[in-house]
Amino acid sequence: MSPKLSPKKSVEGAVGGVAGSMLLTALYGWVFRDAMQAGMQEIILLSAISGVGALLSMIGDLAASAVKRNYEIKDYGTLIPGHGGILDRFDSVIFTAPVVYFLAAYLM
């Protein structure tokens, strides 16, 4: 996807991640449709929101990688050994959470 920012990420992985996210959301919605009081239209909408969230999480991760590359740092911290710091655990959420919230709030 972006060899300079994150060489181990691939287009295939991105497509699989988005498709998997949407499929699992649809499956979850179908299994728990009665408990959620959701019809097929709501399940499809939730699945689409899930796909958007998956795409945005990749963008958030790549943005954090760009910051690290620009400042020539390997990790954001050493609190969690081998994980690149706390920000690496939440970089995708920074972009994803607000958009998914507003999509769900206004479309549902």
PDB file of N, CA and C in Angstrom:
ATOM      1  N   MET A   1       0.831  -1.198   0.000  1.00  0.00           N
ATOM      2  CA  MET A   1       0.000   0.000   0.000  1.00  0.00           C
ATOM      3  C   MET A   1       0.866   1.248   0.000  1.00  0.00           C
ATOM      4  N   SER A   2       1.729   1.344   0.973  1.00  0.00           N
ATOM      5  CA  SER A   2       2.618   2.496   1.082  1.00  0.00           C
ATOM      6  C   SER A   2       3.973   2.007   1.590  1.00  0.00           C
ATOM      7  N   PRO A   3       4.821   1.549   0.673  1.00  0.00           N
ATOM      8  CA  PRO A   3       6.084   0.917   1.078  1.00  0.00           C
ATOM      9  C   PRO A   3       6.998   1.808   1.917  1.00  0.00           C
ATOM     10  N   LYS A   4       6.954   3.115   1.700  1.00  0.00           N
ATOM     11  CA  LYS A   4       7.819   4.001   2.478  1.00  0.00           C
ATOM     12  C   LYS A   4       7.338   4.131   3.924  1.00  0.00           C
ATOM     13  N   LEU A   5       6.037   4.210   4.113  1.00  0.00           N
ATOM     14  CA  LEU A   5       5.504   4.405   5.459  1.00  0.00           C
ATOM     15  C   LEU A   5       5.419   3.115   6.250  1.00  0.00           C
ATOM     16  N   SER A   6       4.910   2.093   5.627  1.00  0.00           N
ATOM     17  CA  SER A   6       4.699   0.829   6.321  1.00  0.00           C
ATOM     18  C   SER A   6       4.871  -0.318   5.321  1.00  0.00           C
ATOM     19  N   PRO A   7       6.090  -0.796   5.174  1.00  0.00           N
ATOM     20  CA  PRO A   7       6.391  -1.751   4.102  1.00  0.00           C
ATOM     21  C   PRO A   7       5.670  -3.093   4.198  1.00  0.00           C
ATOM     22  N   LYS A   8       5.173  -3.468   5.365  1.00  0.00           N
ATOM     23  CA  LYS A   8       4.539  -4.778   5.498  1.00  0.00           C
ATOM     24  C   LYS A   8       3.035  -4.750   5.210  1.00  0.00           C
ATOM     25  N   LYS A   9       2.480  -3.595   4.951  1.00  0.00           N
ATOM     26  CA  LYS A   9       1.052  -3.513   4.631  1.00  0.00           C
ATOM     27  C   LYS A   9       0.862  -3.709   3.123  1.00  0.00           C
ATOM     28  N   SER A  10      -0.167  -4.488   2.776  1.00  0.00           N
ATOM     29  CA  SER A  10      -0.422  -4.768   1.369  1.00  0.00           C
ATOM     30  C   SER A  10      -1.851  -4.391   0.994  1.00  0.00           C
ATOM     31  N   VAL A  11      -2.068  -4.208  -0.289  1.00  0.00           N
ATOM     32  CA  VAL A  11      -3.412  -3.917  -0.786  1.00  0.00           C
ATOM     33  C   VAL A  11      -4.329  -5.104  -0.504  1.00  0.00           C
ATOM     34  N   GLU A  12      -3.795  -6.298  -0.657  1.00  0.00           N
ATOM     35  CA  GLU A  12      -4.593  -7.491  -0.388  1.00  0.00           C
ATOM     36  C   GLU A  12      -5.053  -7.537   1.054  1.00  0.00           C
ATOM     37  N   GLY A  13      -4.148  -7.189   1.961  1.00  0.00           N
ATOM     38  CA  GLY A  13      -4.488  -7.152   3.383  1.00  0.00           C
ATOM     39  C   GLY A  13      -5.532  -6.100   3.685  1.00  0.00           C
ATOM     40  N   ALA A  14      -5.431  -4.955   3.008  1.00  0.00           N
ATOM     41  CA  ALA A  14      -6.409  -3.886   3.206  1.00  0.00           C
ATOM     42  C   ALA A  14      -7.793  -4.315   2.727  1.00  0.00           C
ATOM     43  N   VAL A  15      -7.839  -4.898   1.545  1.00  0.00           N
ATOM     44  CA  VAL A  15      -9.121  -5.363   1.002  1.00  0.00           C
ATOM     45  C   VAL A  15      -9.702  -6.466   1.889  1.00  0.00           C
ATOM     46  N   GLY A  16      -8.861  -7.386   2.309  1.00  0.00           N
ATOM     47  CA  GLY A  16      -9.312  -8.453   3.198  1.00  0.00           C
ATOM     48  C   GLY A  16      -9.796  -7.930   4.534  1.00  0.00           C
ATOM     49  N   GLY A  17      -9.122  -6.909   5.064  1.00  0.00           N
ATOM     50  CA  GLY A  17      -9.529  -6.314   6.330  1.00  0.00           C
ATOM     51  C   GLY A  17     -10.882  -5.631   6.239  1.00  0.00           C
ATOM     52  N   VAL A  18     -11.087  -4.875   5.175  1.00  0.00           N
ATOM     53  CA  VAL A  18     -12.363  -4.188   4.990  1.00  0.00           C
ATOM     54  C   VAL A  18     -13.482  -5.198   4.743  1.00  0.00           C
ATOM     55  N   ALA A  19     -13.228  -6.154   3.870  1.00  0.00           N
ATOM     56  CA  ALA A  19     -14.247  -7.168   3.567  1.00  0.00           C
ATOM     57  C   ALA A  19     -14.559  -8.007   4.804  1.00  0.00           C
ATOM     58  N   GLY A  20     -13.533  -8.374   5.547  1.00  0.00           N
ATOM     59  CA  GLY A  20     -13.736  -9.150   6.766  1.00  0.00           C
ATOM     60  C   GLY A  20     -14.522  -8.388   7.809  1.00  0.00           C
ATOM     61  N   SER A  21     -14.207  -7.120   7.945  1.00  0.00           N
ATOM     62  CA  SER A  21     -14.936  -6.268   8.891  1.00  0.00           C
ATOM     63  C   SER A  21     -16.413  -6.193   8.535  1.00  0.00           C
ATOM     64  N   MET A  22     -16.686  -5.972   7.270  1.00  0.00           N
ATOM     65  CA  MET A  22     -18.079  -5.870   6.825  1.00  0.00           C
ATOM     66  C   MET A  22     -18.811  -7.202   6.973  1.00  0.00           C
ATOM     67  N   LEU A  23     -18.143  -8.287   6.610  1.00  0.00           N
ATOM     68  CA  LEU A  23     -18.759  -9.611   6.698  1.00  0.00           C
ATOM     69  C   LEU A  23     -19.062  -9.992   8.147  1.00  0.00           C
ATOM     70  N   LEU A  24     -18.099  -9.774   9.038  1.00  0.00           N
ATOM     71  CA  LEU A  24     -18.321 -10.117  10.438  1.00  0.00           C
ATOM     72  C   LEU A  24     -19.387  -9.235  11.079  1.00  0.00           C
ATOM     73  N   THR A  25     -19.446  -7.973  10.693  1.00  0.00           N
ATOM     74  CA  THR A  25     -20.506  -7.103  11.203  1.00  0.00           C
ATOM     75  C   THR A  25     -21.866  -7.580  10.730  1.00  0.00           C
ATOM     76  N   ALA A  26     -21.967  -7.952   9.468  1.00  0.00           N
ATOM     77  CA  ALA A  26     -23.232  -8.474   8.939  1.00  0.00           C
ATOM     78  C   ALA A  26     -23.622  -9.768   9.640  1.00  0.00           C
ATOM     79  N   LEU A  27     -22.651 -10.644   9.862  1.00  0.00           N
ATOM     80  CA  LEU A  27     -22.920 -11.908  10.553  1.00  0.00           C
ATOM     81  C   LEU A  27     -23.380 -11.660  11.990  1.00  0.00           C
ATOM     82  N   TYR A  28     -22.698 -10.781  12.681  1.00  0.00           N
ATOM     83  CA  TYR A  28     -23.070 -10.430  14.054  1.00  0.00           C
ATOM     84  C   TYR A  28     -24.477  -9.834  14.084  1.00  0.00           C
ATOM     85  N   GLY A  29     -24.738  -8.913  13.170  1.00  0.00           N
ATOM     86  CA  GLY A  29     -26.063  -8.297  13.096  1.00  0.00           C
ATOM     87  C   GLY A  29     -27.150  -9.318  12.811  1.00  0.00           C
ATOM     88  N   TRP A  30     -26.854 -10.280  11.945  1.00  0.00           N
ATOM     89  CA  TRP A  30     -27.844 -11.312  11.598  1.00  0.00           C
ATOM     90  C   TRP A  30     -28.130 -12.223  12.794  1.00  0.00           C
ATOM     91  N   VAL A  31     -27.065 -12.626  13.504  1.00  0.00           N
ATOM     92  CA  VAL A  31     -27.231 -13.522  14.647  1.00  0.00           C
ATOM     93  C   VAL A  31     -28.004 -12.837  15.778  1.00  0.00           C
ATOM     94  N   PHE A  32     -27.713 -11.571  16.014  1.00  0.00           N
ATOM     95  CA  PHE A  32     -28.329 -10.859  17.129  1.00  0.00           C
ATOM     96  C   PHE A  32     -29.400  -9.856  16.684  1.00  0.00           C
ATOM     97  N   ARG A  33     -29.986 -10.080  15.529  1.00  0.00           N
ATOM     98  CA  ARG A  33     -30.957  -9.128  14.981  1.00  0.00           C
ATOM     99  C   ARG A  33     -32.172  -8.938  15.880  1.00  0.00           C
ATOM    100  N   ASP A  34     -32.626 -10.008  16.525  1.00  0.00           N
ATOM    101  CA  ASP A  34     -33.786  -9.877  17.409  1.00  0.00           C
ATOM    102  C   ASP A  34     -33.435  -9.069  18.655  1.00  0.00           C
ATOM    103  N   ALA A  35     -32.286  -9.357  19.254  1.00  0.00           N
ATOM    104  CA  ALA A  35     -31.859  -8.630  20.448  1.00  0.00           C
ATOM    105  C   ALA A  35     -31.588  -7.157  20.136  1.00  0.00           C
ATOM    106  N   MET A  36     -31.100  -6.884  18.940  1.00  0.00           N
ATOM    107  CA  MET A  36     -30.798  -5.504  18.535  1.00  0.00           C
ATOM    108  C   MET A  36     -32.014  -4.816  17.929  1.00  0.00           C
ATOM    109  N   GLN A  37     -33.061  -5.571  17.687  1.00  0.00           N
ATOM    110  CA  GLN A  37     -34.254  -5.066  17.006  1.00  0.00           C
ATOM    111  C   GLN A  37     -33.860  -4.391  15.687  1.00  0.00           C
ATOM    112  N   ALA A  38     -33.055  -5.112  14.917  1.00  0.00           N
ATOM    113  CA  ALA A  38     -32.532  -4.586  13.662  1.00  0.00           C
ATOM    114  C   ALA A  38     -33.069  -5.393  12.490  1.00  0.00           C
ATOM    115  N   GLY A  39     -33.482  -4.682  11.471  1.00  0.00           N
ATOM    116  CA  GLY A  39     -33.905  -5.319  10.236  1.00  0.00           C
ATOM    117  C   GLY A  39     -32.732  -5.442   9.284  1.00  0.00           C
ATOM    118  N   MET A  40     -33.002  -5.975   8.119  1.00  0.00           N
ATOM    119  CA  MET A  40     -31.945  -6.180   7.128  1.00  0.00           C
ATOM    120  C   MET A  40     -31.323  -4.849   6.699  1.00  0.00           C
ATOM    121  N   GLN A  41     -32.120  -3.808   6.562  1.00  0.00           N
ATOM    122  CA  GLN A  41     -31.596  -2.504   6.157  1.00  0.00           C
ATOM    123  C   GLN A  41     -30.593  -1.968   7.193  1.00  0.00           C
ATOM    124  N   GLU A  42     -30.903  -2.117   8.468  1.00  0.00           N
ATOM    125  CA  GLU A  42     -29.990  -1.655   9.513  1.00  0.00           C
ATOM    126  C   GLU A  42     -28.701  -2.476   9.530  1.00  0.00           C
ATOM    127  N   ILE A  43     -28.838  -3.778   9.304  1.00  0.00           N
ATOM    128  CA  ILE A  43     -27.651  -4.638   9.290  1.00  0.00           C
ATOM    129  C   ILE A  43     -26.726  -4.253   8.142  1.00  0.00           C
ATOM    130  N   ILE A  44     -27.296  -3.973   6.983  1.00  0.00           N
ATOM    131  CA  ILE A  44     -26.485  -3.547   5.830  1.00  0.00           C
ATOM    132  C   ILE A  44     -25.824  -2.203   6.115  1.00  0.00           C
ATOM    133  N   LEU A  45     -26.556  -1.290   6.733  1.00  0.00           N
ATOM    134  CA  LEU A  45     -26.004   0.027   7.073  1.00  0.00           C
ATOM    135  C   LEU A  45     -24.867  -0.112   8.085  1.00  0.00           C
ATOM    136  N   LEU A  46     -25.054  -0.939   9.098  1.00  0.00           N
ATOM    137  CA  LEU A  46     -23.988  -1.172  10.071  1.00  0.00           C
ATOM    138  C   LEU A  46     -22.763  -1.795   9.414  1.00  0.00           C
ATOM    139  N   SER A  47     -22.992  -2.676   8.475  1.00  0.00           N
ATOM    140  CA  SER A  47     -21.888  -3.300   7.753  1.00  0.00           C
ATOM    141  C   SER A  47     -21.111  -2.261   6.940  1.00  0.00           C
ATOM    142  N   ALA A  48     -21.823  -1.348   6.309  1.00  0.00           N
ATOM    143  CA  ALA A  48     -21.163  -0.282   5.544  1.00  0.00           C
ATOM    144  C   ALA A  48     -20.365   0.638   6.468  1.00  0.00           C
ATOM    145  N   ILE A  49     -20.937   0.979   7.622  1.00  0.00           N
ATOM    146  CA  ILE A  49     -20.220   1.812   8.595  1.00  0.00           C
ATOM    147  C   ILE A  49     -18.960   1.092   9.070  1.00  0.00           C
ATOM    148  N   SER A  50     -19.057  -0.205   9.258  1.00  0.00           N
ATOM    149  CA  SER A  50     -17.905  -1.005   9.653  1.00  0.00           C
ATOM    150  C   SER A  50     -16.805  -0.955   8.590  1.00  0.00           C
ATOM    151  N   GLY A  51     -17.190  -1.015   7.332  1.00  0.00           N
ATOM    152  CA  GLY A  51     -16.213  -0.919   6.242  1.00  0.00           C
ATOM    153  C   GLY A  51     -15.512   0.426   6.219  1.00  0.00           C
ATOM    154  N   VAL A  52     -16.284   1.486   6.436  1.00  0.00           N
ATOM    155  CA  VAL A  52     -15.693   2.833   6.496  1.00  0.00           C
ATOM    156  C   VAL A  52     -14.715   2.916   7.670  1.00  0.00           C
ATOM    157  N   GLY A  53     -15.112   2.343   8.805  1.00  0.00           N
ATOM    158  CA  GLY A  53     -14.229   2.336   9.969  1.00  0.00           C
ATOM    159  C   GLY A  53     -12.939   1.585   9.710  1.00  0.00           C
ATOM    160  N   ALA A  54     -13.025   0.468   9.008  1.00  0.00           N
ATOM    161  CA  ALA A  54     -11.824  -0.306   8.684  1.00  0.00           C
ATOM    162  C   ALA A  54     -10.884   0.499   7.789  1.00  0.00           C
ATOM    163  N   LEU A  55     -11.446   1.186   6.806  1.00  0.00           N
ATOM    164  CA  LEU A  55     -10.615   2.037   5.935  1.00  0.00           C
ATOM    165  C   LEU A  55      -9.949   3.165   6.714  1.00  0.00           C
ATOM    166  N   LEU A  56     -10.724   3.823   7.565  1.00  0.00           N
ATOM    167  CA  LEU A  56     -10.174   4.934   8.336  1.00  0.00           C
ATOM    168  C   LEU A  56      -9.113   4.488   9.329  1.00  0.00           C
ATOM    169  N   SER A  57      -9.265   3.293   9.874  1.00  0.00           N
ATOM    170  CA  SER A  57      -8.250   2.809  10.812  1.00  0.00           C
ATOM    171  C   SER A  57      -6.908   2.619  10.107  1.00  0.00           C
ATOM    172  N   MET A  58      -6.950   2.197   8.857  1.00  0.00           N
ATOM    173  CA  MET A  58      -5.704   2.070   8.092  1.00  0.00           C
ATOM    174  C   MET A  58      -5.082   3.439   7.827  1.00  0.00           C
ATOM    175  N   ILE A  59      -5.925   4.411   7.535  1.00  0.00           N
ATOM    176  CA  ILE A  59      -5.424   5.768   7.296  1.00  0.00           C
ATOM    177  C   ILE A  59      -4.792   6.322   8.567  1.00  0.00           C
ATOM    178  N   GLY A  60      -5.431   6.095   9.711  1.00  0.00           N
ATOM    179  CA  GLY A  60      -4.865   6.540  10.984  1.00  0.00           C
ATOM    180  C   GLY A  60      -3.528   5.899  11.273  1.00  0.00           C
ATOM    181  N   ASP A  61      -3.426   4.627  10.999  1.00  0.00           N
ATOM    182  CA  ASP A  61      -2.164   3.915  11.214  1.00  0.00           C
ATOM    183  C   ASP A  61      -1.076   4.438  10.287  1.00  0.00           C
ATOM    184  N   LEU A  62      -1.416   4.671   9.033  1.00  0.00           N
ATOM    185  CA  LEU A  62      -0.430   5.206   8.087  1.00  0.00           C
ATOM    186  C   LEU A  62      -0.030   6.641   8.444  1.00  0.00           C
ATOM    187  N   ALA A  63      -0.974   7.429   8.959  1.00  0.00           N
ATOM    188  CA  ALA A  63      -0.649   8.797   9.379  1.00  0.00           C
ATOM    189  C   ALA A  63       0.341   8.774  10.545  1.00  0.00           C
ATOM    190  N   ALA A  64       0.130   7.886  11.496  1.00  0.00           N
ATOM    191  CA  ALA A  64       1.065   7.769  12.615  1.00  0.00           C
ATOM    192  C   ALA A  64       2.432   7.297  12.123  1.00  0.00           C
ATOM    193  N   SER A  65       2.442   6.388  11.165  1.00  0.00           N
ATOM    194  CA  SER A  65       3.711   5.934  10.591  1.00  0.00           C
ATOM    195  C   SER A  65       4.423   7.073   9.879  1.00  0.00           C
ATOM    196  N   ALA A  66       3.658   7.939   9.222  1.00  0.00           N
ATOM    197  CA  ALA A  66       4.261   9.093   8.532  1.00  0.00           C
ATOM    198  C   ALA A  66       4.917  10.040   9.532  1.00  0.00           C
ATOM    199  N   VAL A  67       4.267  10.259  10.659  1.00  0.00           N
ATOM    200  CA  VAL A  67       4.850  11.120  11.692  1.00  0.00           C
ATOM    201  C   VAL A  67       6.155  10.509  12.190  1.00  0.00           C
ATOM    202  N   LYS A  68       6.148   9.210  12.445  1.00  0.00           N
ATOM    203  CA  LYS A  68       7.370   8.553  12.926  1.00  0.00           C
ATOM    204  C   LYS A  68       8.483   8.630  11.888  1.00  0.00           C
ATOM    205  N   ARG A  69       8.141   8.443  10.617  1.00  0.00           N
ATOM    206  CA  ARG A  69       9.163   8.514   9.554  1.00  0.00           C
ATOM    207  C   ARG A  69       9.717   9.928   9.431  1.00  0.00           C
ATOM    208  N   ASN A  70       8.845  10.932   9.523  1.00  0.00           N
ATOM    209  CA  ASN A  70       9.306  12.323   9.399  1.00  0.00           C
ATOM    210  C   ASN A  70      10.240  12.726  10.528  1.00  0.00           C
ATOM    211  N   TYR A  71      10.009  12.178  11.714  1.00  0.00           N
ATOM    212  CA  TYR A  71      10.856  12.509  12.855  1.00  0.00           C
ATOM    213  C   TYR A  71      11.936  11.466  13.106  1.00  0.00           C
ATOM    214  N   GLU A  72      12.022  10.493  12.203  1.00  0.00           N
ATOM    215  CA  GLU A  72      13.047   9.460  12.248  1.00  0.00           C
ATOM    216  C   GLU A  72      13.107   8.752  13.601  1.00  0.00           C
ATOM    217  N   ILE A  73      11.935   8.350  14.094  1.00  0.00           N
ATOM    218  CA  ILE A  73      11.873   7.579  15.323  1.00  0.00           C
ATOM    219  C   ILE A  73      11.273   6.210  15.008  1.00  0.00           C
ATOM    220  N   LYS A  74      11.689   5.229  15.753  1.00  0.00           N
ATOM    221  CA  LYS A  74      11.197   3.866  15.534  1.00  0.00           C
ATOM    222  C   LYS A  74       9.888   3.628  16.284  1.00  0.00           C
ATOM    223  N   ASP A  75       9.848   4.032  17.546  1.00  0.00           N
ATOM    224  CA  ASP A  75       8.690   3.787  18.390  1.00  0.00           C
ATOM    225  C   ASP A  75       8.293   5.077  19.106  1.00  0.00           C
ATOM    226  N   TYR A  76       7.030   5.126  19.515  1.00  0.00           N
ATOM    227  CA  TYR A  76       6.541   6.271  20.282  1.00  0.00           C
ATOM    228  C   TYR A  76       6.856   6.159  21.761  1.00  0.00           C
ATOM    229  N   GLY A  77       7.306   5.027  22.201  1.00  0.00           N
ATOM    230  CA  GLY A  77       7.636   4.845  23.611  1.00  0.00           C
ATOM    231  C   GLY A  77       8.086   3.425  23.879  1.00  0.00           C
ATOM    232  N   THR A  78       8.412   3.164  25.146  1.00  0.00           N
ATOM    233  CA  THR A  78       8.913   1.847  25.525  1.00  0.00           C
ATOM    234  C   THR A  78       8.077   1.207  26.625  1.00  0.00           C
ATOM    235  N   LEU A  79       6.919   1.756  26.909  1.00  0.00           N
ATOM    236  CA  LEU A  79       6.077   1.223  27.977  1.00  0.00           C
ATOM    237  C   LEU A  79       5.650  -0.215  27.702  1.00  0.00           C
ATOM    238  N   ILE A  80       5.319  -0.510  26.449  1.00  0.00           N
ATOM    239  CA  ILE A  80       4.943  -1.869  26.057  1.00  0.00           C
ATOM    240  C   ILE A  80       6.067  -2.390  25.151  1.00  0.00           C
ATOM    241  N   PRO A  81       6.958  -3.221  25.672  1.00  0.00           N
ATOM    242  CA  PRO A  81       8.104  -3.679  24.872  1.00  0.00           C
ATOM    243  C   PRO A  81       7.674  -4.409  23.592  1.00  0.00           C
ATOM    244  N   GLY A  82       8.295  -4.026  22.484  1.00  0.00           N
ATOM    245  CA  GLY A  82       8.022  -4.682  21.211  1.00  0.00           C
ATOM    246  C   GLY A  82       6.776  -4.202  20.493  1.00  0.00           C
ATOM    247  N   HIS A  83       6.103  -3.185  21.017  1.00  0.00           N
ATOM    248  CA  HIS A  83       4.849  -2.732  20.420  1.00  0.00           C
ATOM    249  C   HIS A  83       4.903  -1.317  19.864  1.00  0.00           C
ATOM    250  N   GLY A  84       5.960  -0.596  20.025  1.00  0.00           N
ATOM    251  CA  GLY A  84       6.058   0.720  19.430  1.00  0.00           C
ATOM    252  C   GLY A  84       5.432   1.832  20.240  1.00  0.00           C
ATOM    253  N   GLY A  85       5.047   1.566  21.448  1.00  0.00           N
ATOM    254  CA  GLY A  85       4.511   2.609  22.307  1.00  0.00           C
ATOM    255  C   GLY A  85       2.996   2.625  22.365  1.00  0.00           C
ATOM    256  N   ILE A  86       2.491   3.402  23.305  1.00  0.00           N
ATOM    257  CA  ILE A  86       1.048   3.489  23.537  1.00  0.00           C
ATOM    258  C   ILE A  86       0.322   4.063  22.316  1.00  0.00           C
ATOM    259  N   LEU A  87       0.872   5.071  21.682  1.00  0.00           N
ATOM    260  CA  LEU A  87       0.194   5.686  20.544  1.00  0.00           C
ATOM    261  C   LEU A  87      -0.009   4.689  19.399  1.00  0.00           C
ATOM    262  N   ASP A  88       0.888   3.732  19.264  1.00  0.00           N
ATOM    263  CA  ASP A  88       0.705   2.706  18.237  1.00  0.00           C
ATOM    264  C   ASP A  88      -0.523   1.848  18.498  1.00  0.00           C
ATOM    265  N   ARG A  89      -0.947   1.753  19.729  1.00  0.00           N
ATOM    266  CA  ARG A  89      -2.145   0.971  20.057  1.00  0.00           C
ATOM    267  C   ARG A  89      -3.420   1.746  19.740  1.00  0.00           C
ATOM    268  N   PHE A  90      -3.327   3.080  19.675  1.00  0.00           N
ATOM    269  CA  PHE A  90      -4.523   3.897  19.510  1.00  0.00           C
ATOM    270  C   PHE A  90      -4.524   4.789  18.275  1.00  0.00           C
ATOM    271  N   ASP A  91      -3.490   4.697  17.436  1.00  0.00           N
ATOM    272  CA  ASP A  91      -3.399   5.616  16.299  1.00  0.00           C
ATOM    273  C   ASP A  91      -4.578   5.485  15.347  1.00  0.00           C
ATOM    274  N   SER A  92      -5.063   4.298  15.135  1.00  0.00           N
ATOM    275  CA  SER A  92      -6.196   4.137  14.215  1.00  0.00           C
ATOM    276  C   SER A  92      -7.501   4.608  14.843  1.00  0.00           C
ATOM    277  N   VAL A  93      -7.614   4.516  16.155  1.00  0.00           N
ATOM    278  CA  VAL A  93      -8.846   4.931  16.839  1.00  0.00           C
ATOM    279  C   VAL A  93      -9.027   6.447  16.757  1.00  0.00           C
ATOM    280  N   ILE A  94      -7.937   7.185  16.725  1.00  0.00           N
ATOM    281  CA  ILE A  94      -8.011   8.648  16.677  1.00  0.00           C
ATOM    282  C   ILE A  94      -8.797   9.108  15.447  1.00  0.00           C
ATOM    283  N   PHE A  95      -8.598   8.464  14.325  1.00  0.00           N
ATOM    284  CA  PHE A  95      -9.320   8.816  13.108  1.00  0.00           C
ATOM    285  C   PHE A  95     -10.693   8.147  13.050  1.00  0.00           C
ATOM    286  N   THR A  96     -10.754   6.916  13.511  1.00  0.00           N
ATOM    287  CA  THR A  96     -11.935   6.090  13.299  1.00  0.00           C
ATOM    288  C   THR A  96     -13.099   6.414  14.223  1.00  0.00           C
ATOM    289  N   ALA A  97     -12.848   6.536  15.501  1.00  0.00           N
ATOM    290  CA  ALA A  97     -13.922   6.673  16.488  1.00  0.00           C
ATOM    291  C   ALA A  97     -14.880   7.834  16.206  1.00  0.00           C
ATOM    292  N   PRO A  98     -14.397   9.038  15.940  1.00  0.00           N
ATOM    293  CA  PRO A  98     -15.354  10.133  15.707  1.00  0.00           C
ATOM    294  C   PRO A  98     -16.208   9.916  14.456  1.00  0.00           C
ATOM    295  N   VAL A  99     -15.614   9.432  13.399  1.00  0.00           N
ATOM    296  CA  VAL A  99     -16.369   9.245  12.155  1.00  0.00           C
ATOM    297  C   VAL A  99     -17.411   8.146  12.307  1.00  0.00           C
ATOM    298  N   VAL A 100     -17.029   7.029  12.907  1.00  0.00           N
ATOM    299  CA  VAL A 100     -17.986   5.933  13.106  1.00  0.00           C
ATOM    300  C   VAL A 100     -19.111   6.389  14.030  1.00  0.00           C
ATOM    301  N   TYR A 101     -18.784   7.141  15.056  1.00  0.00           N
ATOM    302  CA  TYR A 101     -19.818   7.650  15.961  1.00  0.00           C
ATOM    303  C   TYR A 101     -20.833   8.507  15.210  1.00  0.00           C
ATOM    304  N   PHE A 102     -20.352   9.473  14.449  1.00  0.00           N
ATOM    305  CA  PHE A 102     -21.277  10.369  13.748  1.00  0.00           C
ATOM    306  C   PHE A 102     -22.045   9.656  12.636  1.00  0.00           C
ATOM    307  N   LEU A 103     -21.409   8.729  11.954  1.00  0.00           N
ATOM    308  CA  LEU A 103     -22.138   7.947  10.947  1.00  0.00           C
ATOM    309  C   LEU A 103     -23.269   7.165  11.600  1.00  0.00           C
ATOM    310  N   ALA A 104     -22.966   6.499  12.717  1.00  0.00           N
ATOM    311  CA  ALA A 104     -23.994   5.716  13.401  1.00  0.00           C
ATOM    312  C   ALA A 104     -25.078   6.618  13.982  1.00  0.00           C
ATOM    313  N   ALA A 105     -24.691   7.749  14.516  1.00  0.00           N
ATOM    314  CA  ALA A 105     -25.662   8.648  15.142  1.00  0.00           C
ATOM    315  C   ALA A 105     -26.612   9.262  14.118  1.00  0.00           C
ATOM    316  N   TYR A 106     -26.087   9.627  12.968  1.00  0.00           N
ATOM    317  CA  TYR A 106     -26.931  10.320  11.973  1.00  0.00           C
ATOM    318  C   TYR A 106     -27.602   9.402  10.966  1.00  0.00           C
ATOM    319  N   LEU A 107     -27.030   8.234  10.731  1.00  0.00           N
ATOM    320  CA  LEU A 107     -27.622   7.328   9.746  1.00  0.00           C
ATOM    321  C   LEU A 107     -28.557   6.304  10.359  1.00  0.00           C
ATOM    322  N   MET A 108     -28.408   6.036  11.620  1.00  0.00           N
ATOM    323  CA  MET A 108     -29.243   5.022  12.253  1.00  0.00           C
ATOM    324  C   MET A 108     -30.424   5.734  12.817  1.00  0.00           C
TER     325      MET A 108
END
